[in-house]
Protein backbone atom coordinates (compact mmCIF):
# COMPACT_ATOMS: atom_id res chain seq x y z
CA MET A 1 117.13 89.31 93.52
CA GLY A 2 114.11 90.95 94.84
CA ARG A 3 112.59 91.98 97.86
CA PRO A 4 111.40 89.09 100.47
CA PRO A 5 107.53 88.23 100.25
CA SER A 6 105.96 90.53 102.84
CA THR A 7 104.46 88.60 106.08
CA SER A 8 102.40 89.25 108.82
CA SER A 9 105.18 90.21 110.96
CA ASP A 10 106.74 92.18 108.61
CA PRO A 11 107.30 95.92 110.08
CA ARG A 12 107.23 97.58 106.28
CA PRO A 13 104.14 99.00 104.84
CA PRO A 14 103.25 98.03 101.50
CA HIS A 15 104.89 100.01 98.72
CA ARG A 16 102.43 102.00 97.02
CA VAL A 17 102.06 103.27 94.01
CA SER A 18 100.50 106.57 92.78
CA LEU A 19 98.13 106.68 89.87
CA ASP A 20 100.00 108.99 88.07
CA ASP A 21 103.87 107.17 88.63
CA LEU A 22 101.98 103.73 87.47
CA TYR A 23 100.43 105.22 84.26
CA LEU A 24 104.09 107.44 83.48
CA ALA A 25 105.91 103.86 84.42
CA VAL A 26 104.29 102.28 81.32
CA LEU A 27 103.87 105.66 78.94
CA THR A 28 107.41 107.40 79.30
CA PRO A 29 109.13 106.02 82.24
CA SER A 30 111.65 109.12 82.07
CA ALA A 31 108.70 111.52 82.55
CA ARG A 32 108.33 110.01 86.35
CA ARG A 33 111.71 111.67 87.44
CA GLU A 34 109.03 115.03 87.30
CA LYS A 35 107.81 114.69 91.01
CA ARG A 36 106.18 118.68 90.63
CA ALA A 37 102.22 118.41 90.04
CA ASP A 38 102.08 121.45 87.53
CA VAL A 39 105.36 121.11 85.39
CA PRO A 40 105.11 119.73 81.98
CA LEU A 41 105.78 116.39 81.40
CA ASN A 42 108.21 115.51 78.52
CA ILE A 43 105.42 113.05 76.98
CA ALA A 44 105.82 112.09 72.98
CA GLY A 45 103.26 111.72 70.71
CA GLU A 46 99.54 113.28 71.04
CA GLN A 47 97.79 111.37 73.97
CA ALA A 48 93.91 111.09 75.05
CA ARG A 49 92.66 114.60 75.32
CA ALA A 50 91.78 114.12 79.13
CA LEU A 51 95.29 113.96 79.99
CA TYR A 52 96.19 117.50 79.03
CA VAL A 53 95.44 120.59 81.22
CA ASP A 54 92.42 121.57 80.07
CA ALA A 55 91.67 118.31 78.23
CA ASP A 56 93.37 121.17 75.61
CA ARG A 57 96.28 119.21 73.37
CA GLU A 58 97.51 122.40 72.90
CA LYS A 59 98.61 122.68 76.70
CA SER A 60 101.08 119.83 77.94
CA ILE A 61 100.56 117.12 80.28
CA THR A 62 100.76 117.39 84.02
CA ARG A 63 100.98 115.40 86.73
CA ASP A 64 97.55 116.70 88.16
CA SER A 65 96.01 116.88 84.71
CA LEU A 66 97.12 113.04 84.30
CA THR A 67 95.78 112.10 87.42
CA GLN A 68 92.34 114.40 86.73
CA GLY A 69 91.86 112.81 83.15
CA LEU A 70 92.65 109.64 84.44
CA GLN A 71 89.62 109.53 87.70
CA ARG A 72 87.94 111.39 84.28
CA HIS A 73 87.49 108.65 82.34
CA ALA A 74 87.89 105.52 84.94
CA SER A 75 84.53 107.37 86.25
CA ARG A 76 83.30 107.48 83.11
CA VAL A 77 83.45 103.66 81.91
CA LEU A 78 82.52 102.40 85.39
CA ASN A 79 79.53 104.67 85.59
CA GLN A 80 78.34 103.53 82.38
CA HIS A 81 78.95 99.32 83.16
CA GLN A 82 77.02 100.00 86.06
CA ALA A 83 74.38 101.65 83.97
CA GLN A 84 74.24 98.96 81.32
CA SER A 85 74.66 96.41 83.89
CA GLY A 86 71.59 98.16 85.82
CA LYS A 87 69.47 97.59 82.31
CA ALA A 88 70.64 94.32 82.06
CA VAL A 89 69.10 93.52 85.36
CA VAL A 90 65.72 95.25 84.69
CA ASN A 91 64.93 93.25 81.25
CA GLU A 92 66.63 90.17 83.13
CA ARG A 93 63.77 90.70 85.70
CA GLN A 94 61.03 91.83 83.14
CA GLN A 95 61.96 88.66 81.12
CA LEU A 96 61.71 86.27 84.47
CA ALA A 97 58.19 87.76 85.67
CA ALA A 98 57.13 87.33 82.21
CA ARG A 99 58.39 83.81 82.15
CA ASN A 100 56.54 83.08 85.65
CA SER A 101 53.48 84.35 84.33
CA TYR A 102 53.36 81.89 81.84
CA VAL A 103 54.50 78.92 84.05
CA ASP A 104 51.82 80.30 86.40
CA VAL A 105 48.76 80.10 84.18
CA ALA A 106 50.14 77.07 83.02
CA MET A 107 50.20 75.46 86.25
CA LEU A 108 46.53 76.87 86.40
CA ASP A 109 45.57 75.35 83.27
CA ASN A 110 46.78 71.62 83.92
CA SER A 111 45.83 71.96 87.82
CA ALA A 112 41.65 72.80 85.94
CA ALA A 113 42.28 70.07 83.95
CA LYS A 114 42.76 67.60 86.35
CA THR A 115 39.94 68.71 88.80
CA GLY A 116 37.64 69.45 85.77
CA GLN A 117 37.02 72.73 86.00
CA ARG A 118 36.93 75.17 83.81
CA LYS A 119 40.25 77.50 82.96
CA PRO A 120 39.84 80.47 85.25
């Protein structure tokens, strides 16, 4: 069957899979046999430009170029997401500040009306 679930008393370390092995397992499992980092991998079809050596589709994909391309892409996507999230937070804070100001003014108006005072 498979390996039994690991327990805290299991002395074996967890199995780790490198980023390039994980990608190759999905894309081209047979290319996983090549372990050297700078050797062209036998990957059929055109892939994302970032995965090629020097991001040049005329060149080959190696384990090094694959790992670097995936890391650059992930970093770019995460930075974009973080920037968008930051803008959303700033926008939300501005909206809350505007609402709070409106609520404060309304409360002052209400309070002034109850005490018979003029609006500030």
